[in-house]
């Protein structure tokens, strides 16, 4: 499994997401590589379809994708069990990391 964590400097939530993902990978004993991808400009955000920080890609797919979310350098809001948050909940991350891969 390849995991990419997209973020921009100044985002207060990407490190929480990185910590939670790393902990779940260890707990679940999932073989994975985590790559950090810093998005540095509005042009780069547009080019890669960056919908806010933090964005988690699992094997290139955003499991929390909202096609109506704007592209750009902004903080992303996740709707969690406890309400809006700046990072997915551990339960949401667990589901994203253990969901069967979609057929190609």
C-alpha atoms as a PDB file:
ATOM      1  CA  UNK A   1       0.000   0.000   0.000  1.00  0.00           C
ATOM      2  CA  UNK A   2       1.275   3.457  -0.901  1.00  0.00           C
ATOM      3  CA  UNK A   3       0.078   6.375   1.167  1.00  0.00           C
ATOM      4  CA  UNK A   4       0.637   9.998   0.233  1.00  0.00           C
ATOM      5  CA  UNK A   5      -0.107  12.748   2.703  1.00  0.00           C
ATOM      6  CA  UNK A   6      -0.517  16.063   0.910  1.00  0.00           C
ATOM      7  CA  UNK A   7      -0.253  19.246   2.956  1.00  0.00           C
ATOM      8  CA  UNK A   8       0.900  22.842   2.870  1.00  0.00           C
ATOM      9  CA  UNK A   9       3.181  24.665   5.272  1.00  0.00           C
ATOM     10  CA  UNK A  10       1.159  26.282   8.014  1.00  0.00           C
ATOM     11  CA  UNK A  11      -1.561  23.626   8.126  1.00  0.00           C
ATOM     12  CA  UNK A  12      -2.123  22.809  11.797  1.00  0.00           C
ATOM     13  CA  UNK A  13      -3.639  19.362  11.115  1.00  0.00           C
ATOM     14  CA  UNK A  14      -1.396  17.399   8.772  1.00  0.00           C
ATOM     15  CA  UNK A  15       0.926  16.188  11.541  1.00  0.00           C
ATOM     16  CA  UNK A  16      -2.054  14.806  13.487  1.00  0.00           C
ATOM     17  CA  UNK A  17      -3.107  12.875  10.398  1.00  0.00           C
ATOM     18  CA  UNK A  18       0.456  11.605   9.844  1.00  0.00           C
ATOM     19  CA  UNK A  19       0.691  10.483  13.478  1.00  0.00           C
ATOM     20  CA  UNK A  20      -2.694   8.735  13.388  1.00  0.00           C
ATOM     21  CA  UNK A  21      -1.952   6.972  10.080  1.00  0.00           C
ATOM     22  CA  UNK A  22       1.477   5.786  11.271  1.00  0.00           C
ATOM     23  CA  UNK A  23      -0.038   4.469  14.507  1.00  0.00           C
ATOM     24  CA  UNK A  24      -2.774   2.595  12.664  1.00  0.00           C
ATOM     25  CA  UNK A  25      -0.311   1.075  10.205  1.00  0.00           C
ATOM     26  CA  UNK A  26       1.723  -0.243  13.141  1.00  0.00           C
ATOM     27  CA  UNK A  27      -1.353  -1.445  15.037  1.00  0.00           C
ATOM     28  CA  UNK A  28      -2.844  -3.184  12.008  1.00  0.00           C
ATOM     29  CA  UNK A  29       0.560  -4.446  10.834  1.00  0.00           C
ATOM     30  CA  UNK A  30      -0.106  -3.121   7.349  1.00  0.00           C
ATOM     31  CA  UNK A  31       2.844  -2.912   4.982  1.00  0.00           C
ATOM     32  CA  UNK A  32       2.820   0.621   3.638  1.00  0.00           C
ATOM     33  CA  UNK A  33       5.004   3.459   2.542  1.00  0.00           C
ATOM     34  CA  UNK A  34       4.052   6.967   3.652  1.00  0.00           C
ATOM     35  CA  UNK A  35       5.188   9.786   1.391  1.00  0.00           C
ATOM     36  CA  UNK A  36       4.792  13.424   2.382  1.00  0.00           C
ATOM     37  CA  UNK A  37       3.939  15.790  -0.468  1.00  0.00           C
ATOM     38  CA  UNK A  38       4.137  19.480   0.348  1.00  0.00           C
ATOM     39  CA  UNK A  39       1.969  21.568  -1.967  1.00  0.00           C
ATOM     40  CA  UNK A  40       3.725  24.891  -2.410  1.00  0.00           C
ATOM     41  CA  UNK A  41       1.613  27.039  -4.722  1.00  0.00           C
ATOM     42  CA  UNK A  42      -1.910  27.544  -6.016  1.00  0.00           C
ATOM     43  CA  UNK A  43      -0.677  26.339  -9.405  1.00  0.00           C
ATOM     44  CA  UNK A  44       0.634  23.100  -7.910  1.00  0.00           C
ATOM     45  CA  UNK A  45      -2.642  22.660  -5.992  1.00  0.00           C
ATOM     46  CA  UNK A  46      -4.567  23.042  -9.242  1.00  0.00           C
ATOM     47  CA  UNK A  47      -2.261  20.684 -11.141  1.00  0.00           C
ATOM     48  CA  UNK A  48      -2.690  17.841  -8.648  1.00  0.00           C
ATOM     49  CA  UNK A  49      -6.328  18.494  -7.695  1.00  0.00           C
ATOM     50  CA  UNK A  50      -5.385  19.313  -4.097  1.00  0.00           C
ATOM     51  CA  UNK A  51      -8.618  19.860  -2.142  1.00  0.00           C
ATOM     52  CA  UNK A  52      -7.062  21.054   1.072  1.00  0.00           C
ATOM     53  CA  UNK A  53      -4.673  20.072   3.808  1.00  0.00           C
ATOM     54  CA  UNK A  54      -4.363  17.401   4.916  1.00  0.00           C
ATOM     55  CA  UNK A  55      -5.300  15.175   1.996  1.00  0.00           C
ATOM     56  CA  UNK A  56      -4.658  11.452   2.294  1.00  0.00           C
ATOM     57  CA  UNK A  57      -4.201   9.367  -0.831  1.00  0.00           C
ATOM     58  CA  UNK A  58      -4.303   5.576  -0.473  1.00  0.00           C
ATOM     59  CA  UNK A  59      -2.804   3.978  -3.564  1.00  0.00           C
ATOM     60  CA  UNK A  60      -3.461   7.267  -5.365  1.00  0.00           C
ATOM     61  CA  UNK A  61      -7.134   7.523  -4.335  1.00  0.00           C
ATOM     62  CA  UNK A  62      -8.582  10.052  -1.893  1.00  0.00           C
ATOM     63  CA  UNK A  63     -10.917   7.968   0.306  1.00  0.00           C
ATOM     64  CA  UNK A  64     -12.546  11.175   1.581  1.00  0.00           C
ATOM     65  CA  UNK A  65     -13.021  12.769  -1.834  1.00  0.00           C
ATOM     66  CA  UNK A  66     -15.658  15.427  -2.274  1.00  0.00           C
ATOM     67  CA  UNK A  67     -15.815  16.345  -5.964  1.00  0.00           C
ATOM     68  CA  UNK A  68     -17.533  19.626  -5.050  1.00  0.00           C
ATOM     69  CA  UNK A  69     -14.748  20.762  -2.697  1.00  0.00           C
ATOM     70  CA  UNK A  70     -12.681  23.629  -4.089  1.00  0.00           C
ATOM     71  CA  UNK A  71      -9.098  23.076  -5.214  1.00  0.00           C
ATOM     72  CA  UNK A  72      -6.473  25.246  -3.534  1.00  0.00           C
ATOM     73  CA  UNK A  73      -4.229  25.990  -0.585  1.00  0.00           C
ATOM     74  CA  UNK A  74      -6.718  25.786   2.264  1.00  0.00           C
ATOM     75  CA  UNK A  75      -7.368  23.748   5.365  1.00  0.00           C
ATOM     76  CA  UNK A  76      -9.635  20.798   4.752  1.00  0.00           C
ATOM     77  CA  UNK A  77     -12.619  20.028   6.970  1.00  0.00           C
ATOM     78  CA  UNK A  78     -13.671  16.452   7.653  1.00  0.00           C
ATOM     79  CA  UNK A  79     -17.096  15.499   8.947  1.00  0.00           C
ATOM     80  CA  UNK A  80     -16.345  13.055  11.773  1.00  0.00           C
ATOM     81  CA  UNK A  81     -18.449  11.240  14.345  1.00  0.00           C
ATOM     82  CA  UNK A  82     -17.760  14.142  16.745  1.00  0.00           C
ATOM     83  CA  UNK A  83     -18.535  16.858  14.197  1.00  0.00           C
ATOM     84  CA  UNK A  84     -16.345  18.927  11.855  1.00  0.00           C
ATOM     85  CA  UNK A  85     -12.591  18.457  12.354  1.00  0.00           C
ATOM     86  CA  UNK A  86      -9.327  19.295  10.645  1.00  0.00           C
ATOM     87  CA  UNK A  87      -8.323  15.647  10.310  1.00  0.00           C
ATOM     88  CA  UNK A  88     -10.198  12.380   9.774  1.00  0.00           C
ATOM     89  CA  UNK A  89     -10.985  10.501  12.976  1.00  0.00           C
ATOM     90  CA  UNK A  90      -8.988   7.376  13.801  1.00  0.00           C
ATOM     91  CA  UNK A  91     -12.099   5.293  12.987  1.00  0.00           C
ATOM     92  CA  UNK A  92     -12.389   6.947   9.565  1.00  0.00           C
ATOM     93  CA  UNK A  93      -8.686   6.411   8.902  1.00  0.00           C
ATOM     94  CA  UNK A  94      -8.946   2.751   9.949  1.00  0.00           C
ATOM     95  CA  UNK A  95     -11.786   2.249   7.477  1.00  0.00           C
ATOM     96  CA  UNK A  96      -9.834   4.010   4.697  1.00  0.00           C
ATOM     97  CA  UNK A  97      -6.740   1.890   5.325  1.00  0.00           C
ATOM     98  CA  UNK A  98      -8.559  -1.444   5.510  1.00  0.00           C
ATOM     99  CA  UNK A  99     -11.201  -0.989   2.775  1.00  0.00           C
ATOM    100  CA  UNK A 100     -10.793  -3.384  -0.146  1.00  0.00           C
ATOM    101  CA  UNK A 101      -9.166  -1.835  -3.181  1.00  0.00           C
ATOM    102  CA  UNK A 102     -11.560  -0.735  -5.894  1.00  0.00           C
ATOM    103  CA  UNK A 103     -11.366  -2.747  -9.118  1.00  0.00           C
ATOM    104  CA  UNK A 104      -9.449  -0.953 -11.849  1.00  0.00           C
END
